[in-house]
Amino acid sequence: MGRSSISKDILDRIEEIKTDNINSSIVLTRKLVDILLDFIQIEGNPSIEEIKELIFKMVETQPMMASILNFCNRILVEIDKQHDSIKKTVIDYCNRFLLNLDNQTKGISSYAFSLIDDGMKIATYSYSVTVAEALEYTKKYGKNFIVICSESRPSNEGILLARYLGKKGIKTILVTDAMLFSIIGEADMIFVGADSINKNGVINKIGTSSLAKIAFHENIPFYHLCSTDKILPYNYPIIKEPDRDPKELLREHIDNVIVRNRYFDTTSINYITGVITEQGVLSKDRLLETMESYSTHPDLLSYFLSRDK
């Protein structure tokens, strides 16, 4: 491949997504779709090699987020079977993908609505756009309930969620992360998002796994809300998360103190009640069937194998 044709503006926008630790995977995926569309328009008629170069940079932004990985994977598949120009193939798929995102959210919200009864207390953790929209939908169509959410350190996106829900007229109790674990027994149900689902379990904000284990032992229904775009192919490589910026937790240097900061953990499917998707509530068996029905593009597999050497 010759000199990169990716403009500085595009690269800067990709870097912003790479360092974004607040927005949900849906928001970041939409931003990447917009970046790819802008790249196609600016370049006019980019080559397959140029598009793949950008796709691999997109994968690297948030490799723990399945909606990004699946979008990039499927773009590669679409390019392989193109019947029109590369430009038209990519634009058409991007537009279908964005439309599908909107339809998926509506479907998830309707299934979540059917599980919520008047007067319930629903606990959540971190900030999932899908969860927020499902709660808003449920309120809009006449059900009253209370949400318990925590601050979600170190980025405090839970405070953003509380503010959003409050503005929508939803009564919300905001607590510290530690307090959430102490009072989780007050909840009738727990809704959390998901950044990805692989053969090892559900990847989400760190702390989710512990919350699921407590809910399991307290017999509290625990649901992940996400589209089937969050489900990775069974043969997709398991990505190891690097340690994050320690200054997000502690700005000063303290002798003999090592700061560890990670964003994600993996929750075993055995601890969850189900995954609410646009196709309904999926059981463990349905999740595994879905994973096995997907395949990873050979170029993406090769990319990760070479990356991990």
C-alpha atoms as a PDB file:
ATOM      1  CA  MET A   1       0.000   0.000   0.000  1.00  0.00           C
ATOM      2  CA  GLY A   2       1.371   3.411  -0.923  1.00  0.00           C
ATOM      3  CA  ARG A   3       1.104   6.663   0.940  1.00  0.00           C
ATOM      4  CA  SER A   4      -2.034   6.933   3.052  1.00  0.00           C
ATOM      5  CA  SER A   5      -4.821   8.944   1.455  1.00  0.00           C
ATOM      6  CA  ILE A   6      -6.610   9.471   4.761  1.00  0.00           C
ATOM      7  CA  SER A   7      -6.805  13.182   5.521  1.00  0.00           C
ATOM      8  CA  LYS A   8      -5.684  14.723   8.800  1.00  0.00           C
ATOM      9  CA  ASP A   9      -9.271  15.719   9.571  1.00  0.00           C
ATOM     10  CA  ILE A  10     -10.444  12.113   9.266  1.00  0.00           C
ATOM     11  CA  LEU A  11      -7.526  10.853  11.364  1.00  0.00           C
ATOM     12  CA  ASP A  12      -8.231  13.470  14.048  1.00  0.00           C
ATOM     13  CA  ARG A  13     -11.882  12.403  14.228  1.00  0.00           C
ATOM     14  CA  ILE A  14     -10.838   8.771  14.566  1.00  0.00           C
ATOM     15  CA  GLU A  15      -8.467   9.713  17.384  1.00  0.00           C
ATOM     16  CA  GLU A  16     -11.317  11.474  19.217  1.00  0.00           C
ATOM     17  CA  ILE A  17     -13.330   8.260  19.178  1.00  0.00           C
ATOM     18  CA  LYS A  18     -10.305   6.280  20.338  1.00  0.00           C
ATOM     19  CA  THR A  19     -10.000   8.458  23.457  1.00  0.00           C
ATOM     20  CA  ASP A  20     -13.760   8.730  24.145  1.00  0.00           C
ATOM     21  CA  ASN A  21     -14.540   6.983  27.439  1.00  0.00           C
ATOM     22  CA  ILE A  22     -17.993   8.470  28.029  1.00  0.00           C
ATOM     23  CA  ASN A  23     -20.208   7.881  24.981  1.00  0.00           C
ATOM     24  CA  SER A  24     -21.902   4.546  24.382  1.00  0.00           C
ATOM     25  CA  SER A  25     -20.936   2.127  21.627  1.00  0.00           C
ATOM     26  CA  ILE A  26     -24.002   3.084  19.576  1.00  0.00           C
ATOM     27  CA  VAL A  27     -23.021   6.759  19.596  1.00  0.00           C
ATOM     28  CA  LEU A  28     -19.420   5.959  18.672  1.00  0.00           C
ATOM     29  CA  THR A  29     -20.468   3.543  15.925  1.00  0.00           C
ATOM     30  CA  ARG A  30     -22.684   6.210  14.373  1.00  0.00           C
ATOM     31  CA  LYS A  31     -19.746   8.611  14.415  1.00  0.00           C
ATOM     32  CA  LEU A  32     -17.536   6.078  12.640  1.00  0.00           C
ATOM     33  CA  VAL A  33     -20.192   5.436   9.994  1.00  0.00           C
ATOM     34  CA  ASP A  34     -20.306   9.195   9.370  1.00  0.00           C
ATOM     35  CA  ILE A  35     -16.507   9.266   9.116  1.00  0.00           C
ATOM     36  CA  LEU A  36     -16.512   6.473   6.531  1.00  0.00           C
ATOM     37  CA  LEU A  37     -19.229   8.226   4.508  1.00  0.00           C
ATOM     38  CA  ASP A  38     -17.287  11.502   4.605  1.00  0.00           C
ATOM     39  CA  PHE A  39     -14.104   9.699   3.526  1.00  0.00           C
ATOM     40  CA  ILE A  40     -15.914   8.141   0.551  1.00  0.00           C
ATOM     41  CA  GLN A  41     -17.342  11.514  -0.496  1.00  0.00           C
ATOM     42  CA  ILE A  42     -14.021  13.346  -0.132  1.00  0.00           C
ATOM     43  CA  GLU A  43     -11.972  10.721  -1.970  1.00  0.00           C
ATOM     44  CA  GLY A  44     -14.506  10.262  -4.739  1.00  0.00           C
ATOM     45  CA  ASN A  45     -13.446   6.796  -5.841  1.00  0.00           C
ATOM     46  CA  PRO A  46     -11.145   5.285  -3.221  1.00  0.00           C
ATOM     47  CA  SER A  47      -9.556   1.916  -3.857  1.00  0.00           C
ATOM     48  CA  ILE A  48     -10.379  -1.217  -1.871  1.00  0.00           C
ATOM     49  CA  GLU A  49      -6.949  -0.937  -0.223  1.00  0.00           C
ATOM     50  CA  GLU A  50      -7.651   2.630   0.908  1.00  0.00           C
ATOM     51  CA  ILE A  51     -11.034   1.675   2.343  1.00  0.00           C
ATOM     52  CA  LYS A  52      -9.519  -1.292   4.177  1.00  0.00           C
ATOM     53  CA  GLU A  53      -6.810   0.941   5.622  1.00  0.00           C
ATOM     54  CA  LEU A  54      -9.514   3.172   7.101  1.00  0.00           C
ATOM     55  CA  ILE A  55     -11.570   0.204   8.313  1.00  0.00           C
ATOM     56  CA  PHE A  56      -8.632  -1.214  10.269  1.00  0.00           C
ATOM     57  CA  LYS A  57      -8.066   2.188  11.871  1.00  0.00           C
ATOM     58  CA  MET A  58     -11.753   2.218  12.809  1.00  0.00           C
ATOM     59  CA  VAL A  59     -11.438  -1.229  14.405  1.00  0.00           C
ATOM     60  CA  GLU A  60      -8.561   0.041  16.537  1.00  0.00           C
ATOM     61  CA  THR A  61     -10.592   2.907  18.008  1.00  0.00           C
ATOM     62  CA  GLN A  62     -12.628   0.755  20.411  1.00  0.00           C
ATOM     63  CA  PRO A  63     -11.765  -2.928  19.893  1.00  0.00           C
ATOM     64  CA  MET A  64     -13.962  -3.966  22.845  1.00  0.00           C
ATOM     65  CA  MET A  65     -17.136  -2.625  21.184  1.00  0.00           C
ATOM     66  CA  ALA A  66     -18.904  -5.196  19.026  1.00  0.00           C
ATOM     67  CA  SER A  67     -21.107  -2.781  17.103  1.00  0.00           C
ATOM     68  CA  ILE A  68     -17.946  -1.191  15.689  1.00  0.00           C
ATOM     69  CA  LEU A  69     -16.286  -4.544  15.012  1.00  0.00           C
ATOM     70  CA  ASN A  70     -19.376  -6.002  13.342  1.00  0.00           C
ATOM     71  CA  PHE A  71     -19.903  -2.905  11.231  1.00  0.00           C
ATOM     72  CA  CYS A  72     -16.313  -3.091   9.970  1.00  0.00           C
ATOM     73  CA  ASN A  73     -16.584  -6.846   9.440  1.00  0.00           C
ATOM     74  CA  ARG A  74     -19.750  -6.514   7.371  1.00  0.00           C
ATOM     75  CA  ILE A  75     -18.368  -3.679   5.276  1.00  0.00           C
ATOM     76  CA  LEU A  76     -15.536  -6.016   4.259  1.00  0.00           C
ATOM     77  CA  VAL A  77     -18.093  -8.700   3.361  1.00  0.00           C
ATOM     78  CA  GLU A  78     -20.117  -6.207   1.291  1.00  0.00           C
ATOM     79  CA  ILE A  79     -17.004  -5.115  -0.602  1.00  0.00           C
ATOM     80  CA  ASP A  80     -16.255  -8.747  -1.493  1.00  0.00           C
ATOM     81  CA  LYS A  81     -19.670  -9.278  -3.076  1.00  0.00           C
ATOM     82  CA  GLN A  82     -20.038  -5.829  -4.638  1.00  0.00           C
ATOM     83  CA  HIS A  83     -22.114  -5.598  -7.804  1.00  0.00           C
ATOM     84  CA  ASP A  84     -21.798  -1.835  -8.214  1.00  0.00           C
ATOM     85  CA  SER A  85     -18.936   0.590  -7.647  1.00  0.00           C
ATOM     86  CA  ILE A  86     -17.075   0.425  -4.338  1.00  0.00           C
ATOM     87  CA  LYS A  87     -18.372   3.887  -3.484  1.00  0.00           C
ATOM     88  CA  LYS A  88     -22.021   2.922  -4.047  1.00  0.00           C
ATOM     89  CA  THR A  89     -21.577  -0.384  -2.201  1.00  0.00           C
ATOM     90  CA  VAL A  90     -20.188   1.324   0.902  1.00  0.00           C
ATOM     91  CA  ILE A  91     -22.698   4.200   0.898  1.00  0.00           C
ATOM     92  CA  ASP A  92     -25.674   1.857   0.453  1.00  0.00           C
ATOM     93  CA  TYR A  93     -24.550  -0.399   3.291  1.00  0.00           C
ATOM     94  CA  CYS A  94     -23.850   2.529   5.637  1.00  0.00           C
ATOM     95  CA  ASN A  95     -27.324   3.921   5.035  1.00  0.00           C
ATOM     96  CA  ARG A  96     -28.942   0.509   5.628  1.00  0.00           C
ATOM     97  CA  PHE A  97     -26.897   0.096   8.793  1.00  0.00           C
ATOM     98  CA  LEU A  98     -28.001   3.463  10.215  1.00  0.00           C
ATOM     99  CA  LEU A  99     -31.655   2.776   9.401  1.00  0.00           C
ATOM    100  CA  ASN A 100     -31.377  -0.637  11.029  1.00  0.00           C
ATOM    101  CA  LEU A 101     -29.938   0.924  14.213  1.00  0.00           C
ATOM    102  CA  ASP A 102     -33.059   3.055  14.602  1.00  0.00           C
ATOM    103  CA  ASN A 103     -35.390   0.102  14.025  1.00  0.00           C
ATOM    104  CA  GLN A 104     -33.439  -2.087  16.452  1.00  0.00           C
ATOM    105  CA  THR A 105     -33.757   0.447  19.265  1.00  0.00           C
ATOM    106  CA  LYS A 106     -37.536   0.614  18.836  1.00  0.00           C
ATOM    107  CA  GLY A 107     -37.803  -3.172  18.938  1.00  0.00           C
ATOM    108  CA  ILE A 108     -35.672  -3.460  22.078  1.00  0.00           C
ATOM    109  CA  SER A 109     -37.728  -0.764  23.802  1.00  0.00           C
ATOM    110  CA  SER A 110     -40.996  -2.571  23.095  1.00  0.00           C
ATOM    111  CA  TYR A 111     -39.702  -5.861  24.541  1.00  0.00           C
ATOM    112  CA  ALA A 112     -38.339  -4.060  27.616  1.00  0.00           C
ATOM    113  CA  PHE A 113     -41.710  -2.305  28.043  1.00  0.00           C
ATOM    114  CA  SER A 114     -43.457  -5.675  28.359  1.00  0.00           C
ATOM    115  CA  LEU A 115     -41.235  -6.642  31.315  1.00  0.00           C
ATOM    116  CA  ILE A 116     -41.785  -3.474  33.364  1.00  0.00           C
ATOM    117  CA  ASP A 117     -44.749  -3.125  35.719  1.00  0.00           C
ATOM    118  CA  ASP A 118     -46.062   0.046  37.360  1.00  0.00           C
ATOM    119  CA  GLY A 119     -44.267   0.895  40.583  1.00  0.00           C
ATOM    120  CA  MET A 120     -41.147  -1.128  39.864  1.00  0.00           C
ATOM    121  CA  LYS A 121     -37.660  -0.064  40.896  1.00  0.00           C
ATOM    122  CA  ILE A 122     -35.212  -0.669  38.070  1.00  0.00           C
ATOM    123  CA  ALA A 123     -31.483  -0.479  38.713  1.00  0.00           C
ATOM    124  CA  THR A 124     -28.980   0.285  35.990  1.00  0.00           C
ATOM    125  CA  TYR A 125     -25.248   0.856  35.733  1.00  0.00           C
ATOM    126  CA  SER A 126     -23.114   3.108  33.528  1.00  0.00           C
ATOM    127  CA  TYR A 127     -24.845   4.885  30.607  1.00  0.00           C
ATOM    128  CA  SER A 128     -26.409   2.769  27.898  1.00  0.00           C
ATOM    129  CA  VAL A 129     -28.274   4.730  25.239  1.00  0.00           C
ATOM    130  CA  THR A 130     -30.342   1.608  24.573  1.00  0.00           C
ATOM    131  CA  VAL A 131     -31.367   1.336  28.234  1.00  0.00           C
ATOM    132  CA  ALA A 132     -32.095   5.073  28.436  1.00  0.00           C
ATOM    133  CA  GLU A 133     -34.323   4.959  25.354  1.00  0.00           C
ATOM    134  CA  ALA A 134     -36.137   1.850  26.607  1.00  0.00           C
ATOM    135  CA  LEU A 135     -36.896   3.582  29.912  1.00  0.00           C
ATOM    136  CA  GLU A 136     -38.010   6.735  28.104  1.00  0.00           C
ATOM    137  CA  TYR A 137     -40.268   4.649  25.838  1.00  0.00           C
ATOM    138  CA  THR A 138     -41.811   2.881  28.844  1.00  0.00           C
ATOM    139  CA  LYS A 139     -42.518   6.201  30.578  1.00  0.00           C
ATOM    140  CA  LYS A 140     -43.952   7.695  27.390  1.00  0.00           C
ATOM    141  CA  TYR A 141     -46.458   4.866  27.043  1.00  0.00           C
ATOM    142  CA  GLY A 142     -47.860   5.209  30.518  1.00  0.00           C
ATOM    143  CA  LYS A 143     -45.879   3.203  33.036  1.00  0.00           C
ATOM    144  CA  ASN A 144     -44.450   4.796  36.177  1.00  0.00           C
ATOM    145  CA  PHE A 145     -41.339   3.417  37.824  1.00  0.00           C
ATOM    146  CA  ILE A 146     -38.205   4.485  39.688  1.00  0.00           C
ATOM    147  CA  VAL A 147     -34.660   4.111  38.383  1.00  0.00           C
ATOM    148  CA  ILE A 148     -31.645   3.544  40.635  1.00  0.00           C
ATOM    149  CA  CYS A 149     -28.341   4.414  38.997  1.00  0.00           C
ATOM    150  CA  SER A 150     -24.813   5.030  40.236  1.00  0.00           C
ATOM    151  CA  GLU A 151     -22.241   7.657  39.314  1.00  0.00           C
ATOM    152  CA  SER A 152     -20.128   5.167  37.283  1.00  0.00           C
ATOM    153  CA  ARG A 153     -16.604   6.254  38.057  1.00  0.00           C
ATOM    154  CA  PRO A 154     -14.109   7.244  36.799  1.00  0.00           C
ATOM    155  CA  SER A 155     -15.941   9.008  33.949  1.00  0.00           C
ATOM    156  CA  ASN A 156     -19.182   9.584  35.903  1.00  0.00           C
ATOM    157  CA  GLU A 157     -21.398   8.797  32.925  1.00  0.00           C
ATOM    158  CA  GLY A 158     -24.057   7.596  35.374  1.00  0.00           C
ATOM    159  CA  ILE A 159     -24.568  11.209  36.401  1.00  0.00           C
ATOM    160  CA  LEU A 160     -25.238  12.061  32.749  1.00  0.00           C
ATOM    161  CA  LEU A 161     -27.830   9.273  32.658  1.00  0.00           C
ATOM    162  CA  ALA A 162     -29.522  10.540  35.825  1.00  0.00           C
ATOM    163  CA  ARG A 163     -29.702  14.035  34.338  1.00  0.00           C
ATOM    164  CA  TYR A 164     -31.165  12.669  31.092  1.00  0.00           C
ATOM    165  CA  LEU A 165     -33.808  10.565  32.837  1.00  0.00           C
ATOM    166  CA  GLY A 166     -34.735  13.399  35.189  1.00  0.00           C
ATOM    167  CA  LYS A 167     -35.384  15.691  32.234  1.00  0.00           C
ATOM    168  CA  LYS A 168     -37.673  13.024  30.774  1.00  0.00           C
ATOM    169  CA  GLY A 169     -39.777  13.032  33.947  1.00  0.00           C
ATOM    170  CA  ILE A 170     -38.466   9.711  35.252  1.00  0.00           C
ATOM    171  CA  LYS A 171     -37.892   9.609  39.017  1.00  0.00           C
ATOM    172  CA  THR A 172     -34.254   8.631  39.508  1.00  0.00           C
ATOM    173  CA  ILE A 173     -32.165   7.820  42.579  1.00  0.00           C
ATOM    174  CA  LEU A 174     -28.451   8.571  42.067  1.00  0.00           C
ATOM    175  CA  VAL A 175     -25.965   6.824  44.360  1.00  0.00           C
ATOM    176  CA  THR A 176     -22.259   6.069  44.541  1.00  0.00           C
ATOM    177  CA  ASP A 177     -21.018   2.886  42.873  1.00  0.00           C
ATOM    178  CA  ALA A 178     -20.326   1.276  46.247  1.00  0.00           C
ATOM    179  CA  MET A 179     -23.817   2.132  47.513  1.00  0.00           C
ATOM    180  CA  LEU A 180     -25.438   0.579  44.438  1.00  0.00           C
ATOM    181  CA  PHE A 181     -24.042  -2.812  45.417  1.00  0.00           C
ATOM    182  CA  SER A 182     -25.290  -2.335  48.990  1.00  0.00           C
ATOM    183  CA  ILE A 183     -28.877  -1.434  48.064  1.00  0.00           C
ATOM    184  CA  ILE A 184     -29.324  -3.593  44.974  1.00  0.00           C
ATOM    185  CA  GLY A 185     -31.801  -5.714  46.944  1.00  0.00           C
ATOM    186  CA  GLU A 186     -34.277  -2.819  46.655  1.00  0.00           C
ATOM    187  CA  ALA A 187     -34.463  -3.295  42.883  1.00  0.00           C
ATOM    188  CA  ASP A 188     -37.156  -5.388  41.208  1.00  0.00           C
ATOM    189  CA  MET A 189     -35.125  -5.706  38.027  1.00  0.00           C
ATOM    190  CA  ILE A 190     -31.755  -4.687  36.592  1.00  0.00           C
ATOM    191  CA  PHE A 191     -31.226  -3.322  33.071  1.00  0.00           C
ATOM    192  CA  VAL A 192     -27.716  -2.733  31.745  1.00  0.00           C
ATOM    193  CA  GLY A 193     -26.293  -2.261  28.279  1.00  0.00           C
ATOM    194  CA  ALA A 194     -23.622  -4.322  26.554  1.00  0.00           C
ATOM    195  CA  ASP A 195     -20.568  -3.362  24.563  1.00  0.00           C
ATOM    196  CA  SER A 196     -20.192  -6.824  23.084  1.00  0.00           C
ATOM    197  CA  ILE A 197     -21.137 -10.454  23.539  1.00  0.00           C
ATOM    198  CA  ASN A 198     -18.631 -13.175  22.720  1.00  0.00           C
ATOM    199  CA  LYS A 199     -18.206 -16.861  23.547  1.00  0.00           C
ATOM    200  CA  ASN A 200     -16.834 -15.905  26.996  1.00  0.00           C
ATOM    201  CA  GLY A 201     -19.810 -13.769  28.005  1.00  0.00           C
ATOM    202  CA  VAL A 202     -21.048 -10.173  27.948  1.00  0.00           C
ATOM    203  CA  ILE A 203     -18.533  -7.327  27.958  1.00  0.00           C
ATOM    204  CA  ASN A 204     -19.683  -4.115  29.623  1.00  0.00           C
ATOM    205  CA  LYS A 205     -18.534  -1.435  32.065  1.00  0.00           C
ATOM    206  CA  ILE A 206     -16.289  -2.903  34.744  1.00  0.00           C
ATOM    207  CA  GLY A 207     -18.372  -3.760  37.788  1.00  0.00           C
ATOM    208  CA  THR A 208     -21.191  -5.264  35.718  1.00  0.00           C
ATOM    209  CA  SER A 209     -19.979  -8.803  36.390  1.00  0.00           C
ATOM    210  CA  SER A 210     -20.054  -8.287  40.170  1.00  0.00           C
ATOM    211  CA  LEU A 211     -23.502  -6.706  39.929  1.00  0.00           C
ATOM    212  CA  ALA A 212     -24.783  -9.696  37.939  1.00  0.00           C
ATOM    213  CA  LYS A 213     -23.425 -12.160  40.512  1.00  0.00           C
ATOM    214  CA  ILE A 214     -25.125 -10.301  43.364  1.00  0.00           C
ATOM    215  CA  ALA A 215     -28.396 -10.156  41.408  1.00  0.00           C
ATOM    216  CA  PHE A 216     -28.151 -13.881  40.697  1.00  0.00           C
ATOM    217  CA  HIS A 217     -27.804 -14.727  44.388  1.00  0.00           C
ATOM    218  CA  GLU A 218     -30.560 -12.239  45.336  1.00  0.00           C
ATOM    219  CA  ASN A 219     -32.904 -13.676  42.651  1.00  0.00           C
ATOM    220  CA  ILE A 220     -33.241 -10.293  40.936  1.00  0.00           C
ATOM    221  CA  PRO A 221     -33.910 -10.512  37.173  1.00  0.00           C
ATOM    222  CA  PHE A 222     -30.838  -9.212  35.336  1.00  0.00           C
ATOM    223  CA  TYR A 223     -31.073  -8.231  31.668  1.00  0.00           C
ATOM    224  CA  HIS A 224     -28.617  -6.858  29.147  1.00  0.00           C
ATOM    225  CA  LEU A 225     -30.256  -4.622  26.525  1.00  0.00           C
ATOM    226  CA  CYS A 226     -28.543  -4.524  23.141  1.00  0.00           C
ATOM    227  CA  SER A 227     -29.056  -5.173  19.461  1.00  0.00           C
ATOM    228  CA  THR A 228     -27.893  -8.363  17.795  1.00  0.00           C
ATOM    229  CA  ASP A 229     -25.133  -6.206  16.264  1.00  0.00           C
ATOM    230  CA  LYS A 230     -23.435  -6.523  19.662  1.00  0.00           C
ATOM    231  CA  ILE A 231     -23.070 -10.299  19.221  1.00  0.00           C
ATOM    232  CA  LEU A 232     -19.683 -11.266  17.790  1.00  0.00           C
ATOM    233  CA  PRO A 233     -19.031 -14.297  15.571  1.00  0.00           C
ATOM    234  CA  TYR A 234     -18.013 -17.367  17.554  1.00  0.00           C
ATOM    235  CA  ASN A 235     -14.590 -17.433  15.878  1.00  0.00           C
ATOM    236  CA  TYR A 236     -13.876 -13.763  16.548  1.00  0.00           C
ATOM    237  CA  PRO A 237     -10.579 -13.260  18.418  1.00  0.00           C
ATOM    238  CA  ILE A 238     -10.899 -12.438  22.127  1.00  0.00           C
ATOM    239  CA  ILE A 239      -9.442  -8.954  22.537  1.00  0.00           C
ATOM    240  CA  LYS A 240      -7.470  -8.232  25.696  1.00  0.00           C
ATOM    241  CA  GLU A 241      -8.137  -4.798  27.139  1.00  0.00           C
ATOM    242  CA  PRO A 242      -5.046  -2.744  27.966  1.00  0.00           C
ATOM    243  CA  ASP A 243      -4.745  -0.783  31.195  1.00  0.00           C
ATOM    244  CA  ARG A 244      -6.113   2.748  30.794  1.00  0.00           C
ATOM    245  CA  ASP A 245      -4.748   6.134  31.807  1.00  0.00           C
ATOM    246  CA  PRO A 246      -3.969   5.967  35.565  1.00  0.00           C
ATOM    247  CA  LYS A 247      -4.425   9.745  35.821  1.00  0.00           C
ATOM    248  CA  GLU A 248      -8.169   9.238  35.453  1.00  0.00           C
ATOM    249  CA  LEU A 249      -8.047   7.822  38.981  1.00  0.00           C
ATOM    250  CA  LEU A 250      -5.065   9.567  40.548  1.00  0.00           C
ATOM    251  CA  ARG A 251      -3.203  12.574  39.175  1.00  0.00           C
ATOM    252  CA  GLU A 252      -0.433  12.674  41.746  1.00  0.00           C
ATOM    253  CA  HIS A 253       2.470  10.254  41.997  1.00  0.00           C
ATOM    254  CA  ILE A 254       2.647   8.195  45.191  1.00  0.00           C
ATOM    255  CA  ASP A 255       5.693   6.081  45.895  1.00  0.00           C
ATOM    256  CA  ASN A 256       5.024   2.327  45.842  1.00  0.00           C
ATOM    257  CA  VAL A 257       1.465   2.785  44.549  1.00  0.00           C
ATOM    258  CA  ILE A 258       0.453   1.266  41.221  1.00  0.00           C
ATOM    259  CA  VAL A 259      -2.808   2.536  39.744  1.00  0.00           C
ATOM    260  CA  ARG A 260      -4.797   0.090  37.606  1.00  0.00           C
ATOM    261  CA  ASN A 261      -7.633   1.441  35.512  1.00  0.00           C
ATOM    262  CA  ARG A 262      -9.759  -0.633  33.167  1.00  0.00           C
ATOM    263  CA  TYR A 263     -13.130   0.065  31.584  1.00  0.00           C
ATOM    264  CA  PHE A 264     -14.610  -3.382  30.929  1.00  0.00           C
ATOM    265  CA  ASP A 265     -15.249  -6.776  32.455  1.00  0.00           C
ATOM    266  CA  THR A 266     -16.908  -9.974  31.200  1.00  0.00           C
ATOM    267  CA  THR A 267     -20.099 -11.362  32.721  1.00  0.00           C
ATOM    268  CA  SER A 268     -20.764 -15.072  32.352  1.00  0.00           C
ATOM    269  CA  ILE A 269     -24.022 -15.776  30.553  1.00  0.00           C
ATOM    270  CA  ASN A 270     -24.843 -18.144  33.422  1.00  0.00           C
ATOM    271  CA  TYR A 271     -25.477 -15.159  35.728  1.00  0.00           C
ATOM    272  CA  ILE A 272     -27.928 -13.274  33.516  1.00  0.00           C
ATOM    273  CA  THR A 273     -31.657 -13.747  32.994  1.00  0.00           C
ATOM    274  CA  GLY A 274     -31.547 -12.889  29.309  1.00  0.00           C
ATOM    275  CA  VAL A 275     -30.490 -10.440  26.625  1.00  0.00           C
ATOM    276  CA  ILE A 276     -33.238  -8.149  25.331  1.00  0.00           C
ATOM    277  CA  THR A 277     -32.703  -7.590  21.605  1.00  0.00           C
ATOM    278  CA  GLU A 278     -34.784  -6.410  18.656  1.00  0.00           C
ATOM    279  CA  GLN A 279     -35.559 -10.130  18.101  1.00  0.00           C
ATOM    280  CA  GLY A 280     -36.885 -10.645  21.626  1.00  0.00           C
ATOM    281  CA  VAL A 281     -35.321 -11.923  24.842  1.00  0.00           C
ATOM    282  CA  LEU A 282     -32.502 -14.290  23.885  1.00  0.00           C
ATOM    283  CA  SER A 283     -31.546 -17.220  26.086  1.00  0.00           C
ATOM    284  CA  LYS A 284     -28.033 -18.621  26.436  1.00  0.00           C
ATOM    285  CA  ASP A 285     -28.709 -21.204  23.712  1.00  0.00           C
ATOM    286  CA  ARG A 286     -30.057 -18.569  21.305  1.00  0.00           C
ATOM    287  CA  LEU A 287     -27.004 -16.396  21.904  1.00  0.00           C
ATOM    288  CA  LEU A 288     -24.656 -19.263  21.069  1.00  0.00           C
ATOM    289  CA  GLU A 289     -26.682 -20.140  17.962  1.00  0.00           C
ATOM    290  CA  THR A 290     -26.453 -16.521  16.798  1.00  0.00           C
ATOM    291  CA  MET A 291     -22.677 -16.411  17.349  1.00  0.00           C
ATOM    292  CA  GLU A 292     -22.213 -19.599  15.359  1.00  0.00           C
ATOM    293  CA  SER A 293     -24.333 -18.244  12.485  1.00  0.00           C
ATOM    294  CA  TYR A 294     -21.955 -15.286  12.016  1.00  0.00           C
ATOM    295  CA  SER A 295     -18.510 -15.429  10.428  1.00  0.00           C
ATOM    296  CA  THR A 296     -15.462 -13.181  10.641  1.00  0.00           C
ATOM    297  CA  HIS A 297     -14.012 -11.847   7.396  1.00  0.00           C
ATOM    298  CA  PRO A 298     -10.599 -13.449   6.668  1.00  0.00           C
ATOM    299  CA  ASP A 299      -8.911 -10.042   6.344  1.00  0.00           C
ATOM    300  CA  LEU A 300     -10.081  -9.073   9.820  1.00  0.00           C
ATOM    301  CA  LEU A 301      -8.906 -12.363  11.290  1.00  0.00           C
ATOM    302  CA  SER A 302      -5.510 -11.923   9.628  1.00  0.00           C
ATOM    303  CA  TYR A 303      -5.317  -8.355  10.865  1.00  0.00           C
ATOM    304  CA  PHE A 304      -5.838  -9.365  14.496  1.00  0.00           C
ATOM    305  CA  LEU A 305      -3.420 -12.274  14.229  1.00  0.00           C
ATOM    306  CA  SER A 306      -0.677 -10.001  12.876  1.00  0.00           C
ATOM    307  CA  ARG A 307      -1.560  -7.305  15.418  1.00  0.00           C
ATOM    308  CA  ASP A 308      -1.113  -9.656  18.374  1.00  0.00           C
ATOM    309  CA  LYS A 309       2.300 -10.953  17.310  1.00  0.00           C
END
